[in-house]
N, C-alpha and C. Protein backbone atom coordinates (compact mmCIF):
# COMPACT_ATOMS: atom_id res chain seq x y z
N UNK A 1 -88.31 -5.94 -16.36
CA UNK A 1 -87.21 -5.07 -15.48
C UNK A 1 -86.04 -5.28 -16.69
N UNK A 2 -85.57 -4.12 -16.40
CA UNK A 2 -84.33 -3.62 -17.09
C UNK A 2 -83.03 -3.93 -16.29
N UNK A 3 -81.84 -4.39 -17.40
CA UNK A 3 -80.82 -4.74 -16.65
C UNK A 3 -79.91 -5.48 -17.27
N UNK A 4 -78.94 -6.05 -16.96
CA UNK A 4 -77.69 -6.81 -17.56
C UNK A 4 -78.21 -8.60 -17.50
N UNK A 5 -78.24 -8.82 -18.36
CA UNK A 5 -78.68 -10.35 -18.45
C UNK A 5 -77.39 -11.30 -17.69
N UNK A 6 -76.41 -11.49 -18.36
CA UNK A 6 -75.69 -12.06 -17.72
C UNK A 6 -74.13 -11.17 -16.97
N UNK A 7 -73.18 -11.81 -16.54
CA UNK A 7 -72.35 -11.25 -15.90
C UNK A 7 -71.19 -11.07 -16.75
N UNK A 8 -71.01 -11.68 -18.15
CA UNK A 8 -70.26 -11.76 -19.15
C UNK A 8 -70.30 -9.92 -20.02
N UNK A 9 -71.72 -9.85 -20.33
CA UNK A 9 -71.97 -8.79 -20.94
C UNK A 9 -72.13 -7.44 -20.26
N UNK A 10 -72.08 -7.43 -18.26
CA UNK A 10 -71.81 -6.36 -17.54
C UNK A 10 -70.29 -6.24 -18.09
N UNK A 11 -69.18 -6.93 -17.72
CA UNK A 11 -68.13 -6.67 -17.53
C UNK A 11 -67.67 -6.47 -19.25
N UNK A 12 -68.41 -6.38 -20.22
CA UNK A 12 -68.12 -5.78 -21.19
C UNK A 12 -68.87 -4.61 -21.90
N UNK A 13 -69.89 -4.34 -21.29
CA UNK A 13 -70.27 -3.19 -20.91
C UNK A 13 -69.57 -1.79 -20.37
N UNK A 14 -69.22 -2.41 -18.92
CA UNK A 14 -68.35 -1.35 -18.21
C UNK A 14 -67.20 -1.45 -19.15
N UNK A 15 -66.20 -2.48 -19.34
CA UNK A 15 -65.08 -1.61 -19.98
C UNK A 15 -65.05 -1.08 -21.37
N UNK A 16 -66.34 -1.08 -22.03
CA UNK A 16 -66.44 -0.38 -23.22
C UNK A 16 -66.84 1.23 -22.59
N UNK A 17 -67.42 1.24 -21.49
CA UNK A 17 -67.31 2.73 -20.93
C UNK A 17 -66.06 3.75 -20.18
N UNK A 18 -65.29 2.32 -19.57
CA UNK A 18 -64.19 3.02 -19.02
C UNK A 18 -62.98 3.67 -20.26
N UNK A 19 -63.19 2.61 -21.87
CA UNK A 19 -62.43 3.22 -22.66
C UNK A 19 -62.55 4.48 -23.26
N UNK A 20 -64.21 4.66 -23.17
CA UNK A 20 -64.79 5.84 -23.73
C UNK A 20 -64.30 7.31 -22.56
N UNK A 21 -64.17 6.66 -21.41
CA UNK A 21 -63.75 7.80 -20.89
C UNK A 21 -62.15 8.03 -20.69
N UNK A 22 -61.54 7.28 -20.87
CA UNK A 22 -60.04 7.33 -20.78
C UNK A 22 -59.73 8.35 -22.56
N UNK A 23 -60.79 7.98 -23.39
CA UNK A 23 -60.18 8.84 -24.78
C UNK A 23 -60.53 9.67 -24.36
N UNK A 24 -61.86 10.28 -23.47
CA UNK A 24 -62.05 11.63 -23.80
C UNK A 24 -60.74 12.06 -22.66
N UNK A 25 -60.68 11.53 -21.54
CA UNK A 25 -59.95 12.46 -21.14
C UNK A 25 -58.73 12.59 -21.03
N UNK A 26 -58.22 11.84 -22.24
CA UNK A 26 -56.86 12.56 -23.14
C UNK A 26 -55.70 11.32 -22.75
N UNK A 27 -56.07 9.97 -21.68
CA UNK A 27 -55.41 9.42 -21.20
C UNK A 27 -54.69 7.96 -22.02
N UNK A 28 -55.04 8.36 -23.31
CA UNK A 28 -54.39 7.20 -24.37
C UNK A 28 -53.30 8.05 -24.95
N UNK A 29 -51.87 7.53 -25.28
CA UNK A 29 -51.04 8.19 -25.90
C UNK A 29 -51.03 7.27 -27.21
N UNK A 30 -50.12 7.81 -27.88
CA UNK A 30 -49.71 6.77 -28.94
C UNK A 30 -51.09 6.48 -30.31
N UNK A 31 -51.86 7.08 -29.81
CA UNK A 31 -53.10 6.88 -30.64
C UNK A 31 -52.85 8.06 -31.79
N UNK A 32 -52.19 7.78 -32.88
CA UNK A 32 -52.33 8.73 -34.14
C UNK A 32 -53.13 8.89 -35.45
N UNK A 33 -53.95 7.25 -35.42
CA UNK A 33 -54.72 7.59 -36.22
C UNK A 33 -56.23 6.39 -35.80
N UNK A 34 -57.36 6.34 -36.36
CA UNK A 34 -58.60 5.34 -36.40
C UNK A 34 -58.18 4.17 -36.47
N UNK A 35 -57.26 3.34 -36.89
CA UNK A 35 -56.88 2.19 -36.68
C UNK A 35 -56.38 1.79 -35.58
N UNK A 36 -55.10 2.51 -35.36
CA UNK A 36 -54.56 2.40 -34.22
C UNK A 36 -55.54 2.08 -32.72
N UNK A 37 -56.72 3.10 -32.76
CA UNK A 37 -57.73 3.73 -32.01
C UNK A 37 -58.68 1.78 -31.57
N UNK A 38 -59.06 1.96 -32.92
CA UNK A 38 -59.67 0.57 -33.17
C UNK A 38 -59.11 -0.39 -32.60
N UNK A 39 -57.69 -0.89 -32.68
CA UNK A 39 -56.74 -2.12 -32.50
C UNK A 39 -56.90 -1.92 -30.62
N UNK A 40 -56.28 -0.46 -30.43
CA UNK A 40 -56.72 -0.83 -28.93
C UNK A 40 -57.79 -0.99 -28.17
N UNK A 41 -58.74 -0.62 -28.87
CA UNK A 41 -60.31 -1.16 -28.05
C UNK A 41 -59.96 -2.47 -28.51
N UNK A 42 -60.06 -2.97 -29.27
CA UNK A 42 -60.37 -4.52 -29.58
C UNK A 42 -59.39 -5.07 -28.54
N UNK A 43 -57.99 -5.19 -28.25
CA UNK A 43 -57.59 -5.71 -27.20
C UNK A 43 -57.66 -5.44 -25.76
N UNK A 44 -58.48 -4.44 -25.33
CA UNK A 44 -58.94 -4.03 -23.79
C UNK A 44 -60.33 -4.91 -23.85
N UNK A 45 -61.14 -4.50 -25.13
CA UNK A 45 -62.16 -5.58 -24.83
C UNK A 45 -62.22 -7.29 -24.70
N UNK A 46 -61.20 -7.35 -25.45
CA UNK A 46 -60.88 -9.08 -25.33
C UNK A 46 -59.76 -9.15 -23.99
N UNK A 47 -59.77 -8.58 -22.99
CA UNK A 47 -58.84 -8.75 -21.85
C UNK A 47 -60.35 -8.36 -21.17
N UNK A 48 -61.25 -8.08 -20.87
CA UNK A 48 -62.26 -7.72 -20.51
C UNK A 48 -62.93 -9.38 -20.19
N UNK A 49 -62.87 -10.14 -21.40
CA UNK A 49 -63.68 -11.58 -21.39
C UNK A 49 -63.43 -12.32 -20.25
């Protein structure tokens, strides 16, 4: 059976998908370089835990 094994893994996966959607739609302002993008993603993912 496929699926998520833990609730924590589920939260992180959904947060990652939402981040990618936000970036794709251009909803993230102030991202001028890859390093700031990585920092933003790390901040969001740490809040998802």
